[in-house]
Amino acid sequence: MSSIFGPVRRTPCFIRGLLESADDGREVTVSADTDHRRQFLYIDDAVETVWLALTTPEIPEFVYNITGGTWLTEGEVIGAANRRSPGSRRRSATFRRSASTAGWGRST
């Protein structure tokens, strides 16, 4: 399955982290490579897919690739998290690139 997001997820989640930081006006450290593409899948769609696979009497294939169907860069998701919609309570978060992933840091 692709990158799953949605409510009640207990493990780290890229989208939830962005939205919570935007709500709180906190800074977020992101990868230096925001051109990395992912296919995000909403949790309800993932659950429905697993349920259908378990309850369908005969499925024609042994393996399926379950995705959201649309490739988005992490930069596009960051932009969406920062945009305001009319009446939204969300504020913009501040994003900075991680020093460890950008190769930045002190040299000896």
N, C-alpha and C. Protein backbone atom coordinates (compact mmCIF):
# COMPACT_ATOMS: atom_id res chain seq x y z
N MET A 1 0.85 -1.18 0.00
CA MET A 1 0.00 0.00 0.00
C MET A 1 0.88 1.23 0.00
N SER A 2 0.35 2.30 -0.55
CA SER A 2 1.11 3.54 -0.61
C SER A 2 1.11 4.22 0.75
N SER A 3 1.58 5.44 0.83
CA SER A 3 1.67 6.18 2.10
C SER A 3 0.27 6.47 2.64
N ILE A 4 -0.05 5.82 3.74
CA ILE A 4 -1.40 5.91 4.31
C ILE A 4 -1.47 7.08 5.27
N PHE A 5 -2.57 7.84 5.20
CA PHE A 5 -2.79 8.95 6.13
C PHE A 5 -4.24 8.95 6.57
N GLY A 6 -4.51 9.61 7.68
CA GLY A 6 -5.88 9.74 8.16
C GLY A 6 -5.93 9.71 9.67
N PRO A 7 -7.13 9.86 10.21
CA PRO A 7 -7.30 9.93 11.67
C PRO A 7 -6.96 8.61 12.35
N VAL A 8 -6.55 8.71 13.59
CA VAL A 8 -6.30 7.60 14.50
C VAL A 8 -5.03 6.80 14.14
N ARG A 9 -4.27 7.26 13.20
CA ARG A 9 -3.00 6.59 12.89
C ARG A 9 -2.06 6.80 14.06
N ARG A 10 -1.37 5.76 14.49
CA ARG A 10 -0.52 5.86 15.67
C ARG A 10 0.96 6.00 15.35
N THR A 11 1.33 5.71 14.12
CA THR A 11 2.73 5.82 13.73
C THR A 11 2.97 7.20 13.10
N PRO A 12 4.23 7.61 12.96
CA PRO A 12 4.49 8.92 12.35
C PRO A 12 3.84 9.03 10.97
N CYS A 13 3.32 10.21 10.69
CA CYS A 13 2.60 10.43 9.43
C CYS A 13 2.99 11.80 8.87
N PHE A 14 3.51 11.81 7.66
CA PHE A 14 3.98 13.04 7.02
C PHE A 14 2.87 14.09 6.95
N ILE A 15 1.71 13.73 6.46
CA ILE A 15 0.61 14.69 6.27
C ILE A 15 0.09 15.19 7.62
N ARG A 16 -0.13 14.29 8.57
CA ARG A 16 -0.62 14.72 9.88
C ARG A 16 0.37 15.68 10.53
N GLY A 17 1.66 15.36 10.44
CA GLY A 17 2.68 16.24 11.03
C GLY A 17 2.65 17.64 10.43
N LEU A 18 2.47 17.72 9.11
CA LEU A 18 2.39 19.03 8.46
C LEU A 18 1.17 19.82 8.93
N LEU A 19 0.02 19.14 8.97
CA LEU A 19 -1.21 19.83 9.35
C LEU A 19 -1.21 20.25 10.81
N GLU A 20 -0.71 19.40 11.68
CA GLU A 20 -0.64 19.77 13.10
C GLU A 20 0.31 20.96 13.30
N SER A 21 1.42 20.96 12.60
CA SER A 21 2.36 22.08 12.71
C SER A 21 1.75 23.36 12.16
N ALA A 22 1.00 23.25 11.05
CA ALA A 22 0.33 24.43 10.50
C ALA A 22 -0.70 24.96 11.49
N ASP A 23 -1.43 24.06 12.14
CA ASP A 23 -2.41 24.48 13.15
C ASP A 23 -1.75 25.23 14.29
N ASP A 24 -0.59 24.72 14.72
CA ASP A 24 0.10 25.29 15.87
C ASP A 24 1.07 26.40 15.51
N GLY A 25 1.29 26.63 14.22
CA GLY A 25 2.25 27.64 13.79
C GLY A 25 3.68 27.25 14.11
N ARG A 26 3.96 25.95 14.21
CA ARG A 26 5.30 25.47 14.55
C ARG A 26 6.14 25.24 13.30
N GLU A 27 7.45 25.27 13.50
CA GLU A 27 8.39 24.96 12.43
C GLU A 27 8.46 23.44 12.25
N VAL A 28 8.62 23.01 11.01
CA VAL A 28 8.73 21.59 10.68
C VAL A 28 10.03 21.38 9.93
N THR A 29 10.77 20.35 10.29
CA THR A 29 11.97 19.98 9.55
C THR A 29 11.58 18.93 8.53
N VAL A 30 11.88 19.18 7.28
CA VAL A 30 11.55 18.25 6.20
C VAL A 30 12.83 17.86 5.47
N SER A 31 12.73 16.81 4.69
CA SER A 31 13.85 16.33 3.90
C SER A 31 14.32 17.42 2.94
N ALA A 32 15.60 17.38 2.61
CA ALA A 32 16.13 18.35 1.63
C ALA A 32 15.54 18.11 0.25
N ASP A 33 15.11 16.89 -0.01
CA ASP A 33 14.56 16.54 -1.32
C ASP A 33 13.04 16.55 -1.28
N THR A 34 12.45 17.71 -1.49
CA THR A 34 10.99 17.79 -1.49
C THR A 34 10.41 17.47 -2.86
N ASP A 35 11.26 17.05 -3.80
CA ASP A 35 10.78 16.60 -5.10
C ASP A 35 10.45 15.11 -5.10
N HIS A 36 10.70 14.46 -3.96
CA HIS A 36 10.39 13.03 -3.83
C HIS A 36 8.87 12.84 -4.00
N ARG A 37 8.49 11.92 -4.87
CA ARG A 37 7.07 11.69 -5.16
C ARG A 37 6.54 10.50 -4.37
N ARG A 38 5.29 10.65 -3.91
CA ARG A 38 4.60 9.58 -3.20
C ARG A 38 3.17 9.49 -3.70
N GLN A 39 2.58 8.35 -3.46
CA GLN A 39 1.15 8.18 -3.68
C GLN A 39 0.53 7.99 -2.31
N PHE A 40 -0.30 8.92 -1.91
CA PHE A 40 -0.93 8.88 -0.60
C PHE A 40 -2.27 8.17 -0.69
N LEU A 41 -2.61 7.44 0.37
CA LEU A 41 -3.85 6.67 0.41
C LEU A 41 -4.54 6.95 1.74
N TYR A 42 -5.79 7.38 1.67
CA TYR A 42 -6.56 7.68 2.88
C TYR A 42 -6.88 6.38 3.61
N ILE A 43 -6.83 6.39 4.92
CA ILE A 43 -6.99 5.19 5.73
C ILE A 43 -8.30 4.44 5.44
N ASP A 44 -9.39 5.16 5.23
CA ASP A 44 -10.67 4.49 4.95
C ASP A 44 -10.60 3.68 3.65
N ASP A 45 -9.87 4.20 2.67
CA ASP A 45 -9.71 3.48 1.40
C ASP A 45 -8.84 2.23 1.60
N ALA A 46 -7.82 2.34 2.45
CA ALA A 46 -6.97 1.18 2.74
C ALA A 46 -7.76 0.10 3.45
N VAL A 47 -8.56 0.49 4.43
CA VAL A 47 -9.37 -0.48 5.18
C VAL A 47 -10.38 -1.16 4.26
N GLU A 48 -11.05 -0.39 3.42
CA GLU A 48 -12.03 -0.97 2.50
C GLU A 48 -11.37 -1.96 1.55
N THR A 49 -10.18 -1.63 1.07
CA THR A 49 -9.47 -2.51 0.16
C THR A 49 -9.12 -3.84 0.83
N VAL A 50 -8.62 -3.78 2.05
CA VAL A 50 -8.28 -5.01 2.77
C VAL A 50 -9.56 -5.81 3.04
N TRP A 51 -10.62 -5.14 3.45
CA TRP A 51 -11.90 -5.83 3.70
C TRP A 51 -12.40 -6.54 2.44
N LEU A 52 -12.36 -5.86 1.31
CA LEU A 52 -12.81 -6.47 0.06
C LEU A 52 -11.93 -7.67 -0.32
N ALA A 53 -10.64 -7.56 -0.10
CA ALA A 53 -9.74 -8.67 -0.41
C ALA A 53 -10.03 -9.88 0.47
N LEU A 54 -10.39 -9.63 1.72
CA LEU A 54 -10.67 -10.73 2.65
C LEU A 54 -12.04 -11.36 2.43
N THR A 55 -12.98 -10.59 1.92
CA THR A 55 -14.36 -11.09 1.82
C THR A 55 -14.78 -11.46 0.40
N THR A 56 -13.96 -11.19 -0.59
CA THR A 56 -14.28 -11.57 -1.96
C THR A 56 -13.94 -13.04 -2.15
N PRO A 57 -14.93 -13.85 -2.59
CA PRO A 57 -14.70 -15.29 -2.69
C PRO A 57 -13.54 -15.67 -3.61
N GLU A 58 -13.47 -15.09 -4.76
CA GLU A 58 -12.39 -15.41 -5.70
C GLU A 58 -11.84 -14.12 -6.28
N ILE A 59 -10.55 -13.91 -6.08
CA ILE A 59 -9.92 -12.74 -6.68
C ILE A 59 -8.97 -13.24 -7.76
N PRO A 60 -8.93 -12.55 -8.90
CA PRO A 60 -8.19 -13.08 -10.06
C PRO A 60 -6.67 -13.02 -9.95
N GLU A 61 -6.13 -12.16 -9.10
CA GLU A 61 -4.68 -12.02 -9.01
C GLU A 61 -4.21 -12.36 -7.60
N PHE A 62 -2.94 -12.73 -7.48
CA PHE A 62 -2.36 -13.06 -6.19
C PHE A 62 -1.88 -11.81 -5.45
N VAL A 63 -1.38 -10.82 -6.20
CA VAL A 63 -0.80 -9.61 -5.61
C VAL A 63 -1.44 -8.38 -6.23
N TYR A 64 -1.72 -7.39 -5.40
CA TYR A 64 -2.27 -6.11 -5.86
C TYR A 64 -1.44 -4.98 -5.28
N ASN A 65 -1.30 -3.90 -6.03
CA ASN A 65 -0.64 -2.70 -5.57
C ASN A 65 -1.74 -1.68 -5.28
N ILE A 66 -1.90 -1.32 -4.02
CA ILE A 66 -2.97 -0.41 -3.61
C ILE A 66 -2.38 0.98 -3.42
N THR A 67 -2.85 1.95 -4.20
CA THR A 67 -2.31 3.31 -4.12
C THR A 67 -3.44 4.33 -4.21
N GLY A 68 -3.07 5.57 -4.00
CA GLY A 68 -4.02 6.66 -4.16
C GLY A 68 -4.23 7.05 -5.62
N GLY A 69 -3.36 6.58 -6.50
CA GLY A 69 -3.52 6.81 -7.92
C GLY A 69 -2.93 8.11 -8.45
N THR A 70 -2.51 9.00 -7.57
CA THR A 70 -1.95 10.28 -7.99
C THR A 70 -0.60 10.47 -7.32
N TRP A 71 0.41 10.78 -8.13
CA TRP A 71 1.73 11.06 -7.58
C TRP A 71 1.82 12.52 -7.17
N LEU A 72 2.23 12.77 -5.93
CA LEU A 72 2.45 14.13 -5.44
C LEU A 72 3.85 14.23 -4.87
N THR A 73 4.50 15.37 -5.11
CA THR A 73 5.79 15.58 -4.46
C THR A 73 5.53 15.99 -3.02
N GLU A 74 6.52 15.77 -2.18
CA GLU A 74 6.39 16.23 -0.80
C GLU A 74 6.25 17.75 -0.78
N GLY A 75 6.90 18.43 -1.72
CA GLY A 75 6.77 19.89 -1.82
C GLY A 75 5.34 20.31 -2.12
N GLU A 76 4.65 19.55 -2.98
CA GLU A 76 3.24 19.86 -3.28
C GLU A 76 2.36 19.67 -2.05
N VAL A 77 2.66 18.64 -1.27
CA VAL A 77 1.88 18.40 -0.05
C VAL A 77 2.17 19.51 0.96
N ILE A 78 3.42 19.94 1.07
CA ILE A 78 3.76 21.04 1.96
C ILE A 78 3.02 22.31 1.53
N GLY A 79 2.99 22.59 0.23
CA GLY A 79 2.26 23.75 -0.27
C GLY A 79 0.78 23.69 0.06
N ALA A 80 0.19 22.51 -0.09
CA ALA A 80 -1.23 22.34 0.23
C ALA A 80 -1.48 22.56 1.72
N ALA A 81 -0.56 22.10 2.56
CA ALA A 81 -0.71 22.28 4.01
C ALA A 81 -0.63 23.75 4.39
N ASN A 82 0.10 24.53 3.61
CA ASN A 82 0.28 25.96 3.91
C ASN A 82 -0.80 26.87 3.33
N ARG A 83 -1.52 26.37 2.35
CA ARG A 83 -2.56 27.23 1.74
C ARG A 83 -3.76 27.35 2.67
N ARG A 84 -4.31 28.53 2.65
CA ARG A 84 -5.53 28.75 3.43
C ARG A 84 -6.75 28.58 2.56
N SER A 85 -7.77 28.00 3.14
CA SER A 85 -9.07 27.99 2.47
C SER A 85 -9.94 28.98 3.24
N PRO A 86 -10.95 29.56 2.60
CA PRO A 86 -11.78 30.56 3.28
C PRO A 86 -12.36 30.00 4.59
N GLY A 87 -12.15 30.75 5.65
CA GLY A 87 -12.68 30.36 6.95
C GLY A 87 -11.85 29.34 7.69
N SER A 88 -10.70 28.96 7.14
CA SER A 88 -9.86 27.96 7.78
C SER A 88 -9.18 28.55 9.00
N ARG A 89 -9.00 27.72 10.01
CA ARG A 89 -8.28 28.17 11.21
C ARG A 89 -6.80 27.86 11.10
N ARG A 90 -6.40 27.23 10.02
CA ARG A 90 -5.00 26.85 9.84
C ARG A 90 -4.14 28.08 9.54
N ARG A 91 -2.98 28.10 10.15
CA ARG A 91 -1.98 29.12 9.85
C ARG A 91 -0.86 28.44 9.09
N SER A 92 0.03 29.20 8.57
CA SER A 92 1.17 28.62 7.85
C SER A 92 2.21 28.12 8.84
N ALA A 93 2.76 26.97 8.55
CA ALA A 93 3.91 26.47 9.30
C ALA A 93 5.17 26.96 8.60
N THR A 94 6.25 26.98 9.32
CA THR A 94 7.54 27.32 8.75
C THR A 94 8.29 26.03 8.50
N PHE A 95 8.80 25.86 7.31
CA PHE A 95 9.50 24.64 6.96
C PHE A 95 10.97 24.93 6.74
N ARG A 96 11.82 24.06 7.24
CA ARG A 96 13.25 24.17 6.97
C ARG A 96 13.76 22.79 6.60
N ARG A 97 14.75 22.79 5.75
CA ARG A 97 15.32 21.52 5.29
C ARG A 97 16.26 20.95 6.35
N SER A 98 16.22 19.66 6.48
CA SER A 98 17.05 18.97 7.45
C SER A 98 18.53 19.08 7.07
N ALA A 99 19.35 19.44 8.02
CA ALA A 99 20.79 19.55 7.77
C ALA A 99 21.38 18.19 7.45
N SER A 100 20.90 17.14 8.09
CA SER A 100 21.48 15.81 7.87
C SER A 100 21.17 15.28 6.48
N THR A 101 20.02 15.58 5.93
CA THR A 101 19.68 15.06 4.61
C THR A 101 20.20 15.98 3.51
N ALA A 102 20.52 17.20 3.83
CA ALA A 102 21.01 18.12 2.80
C ALA A 102 22.53 18.10 2.69
N GLY A 103 23.16 17.36 3.60
CA GLY A 103 24.62 17.33 3.58
C GLY A 103 25.22 18.57 4.21
N TRP A 104 24.39 19.34 4.91
CA TRP A 104 24.88 20.52 5.56
C TRP A 104 25.48 20.12 6.90
N GLY A 105 26.20 20.97 7.49
CA GLY A 105 26.74 20.71 8.82
C GLY A 105 28.17 21.18 8.92
N ARG A 106 28.71 21.03 10.07
CA ARG A 106 30.05 21.51 10.35
C ARG A 106 31.08 20.56 9.74
N SER A 107 32.07 21.12 9.10
CA SER A 107 33.14 20.29 8.57
C SER A 107 34.34 20.40 9.49
N THR A 108 35.15 19.35 9.48
CA THR A 108 36.31 19.35 10.40
C THR A 108 37.58 19.65 9.65
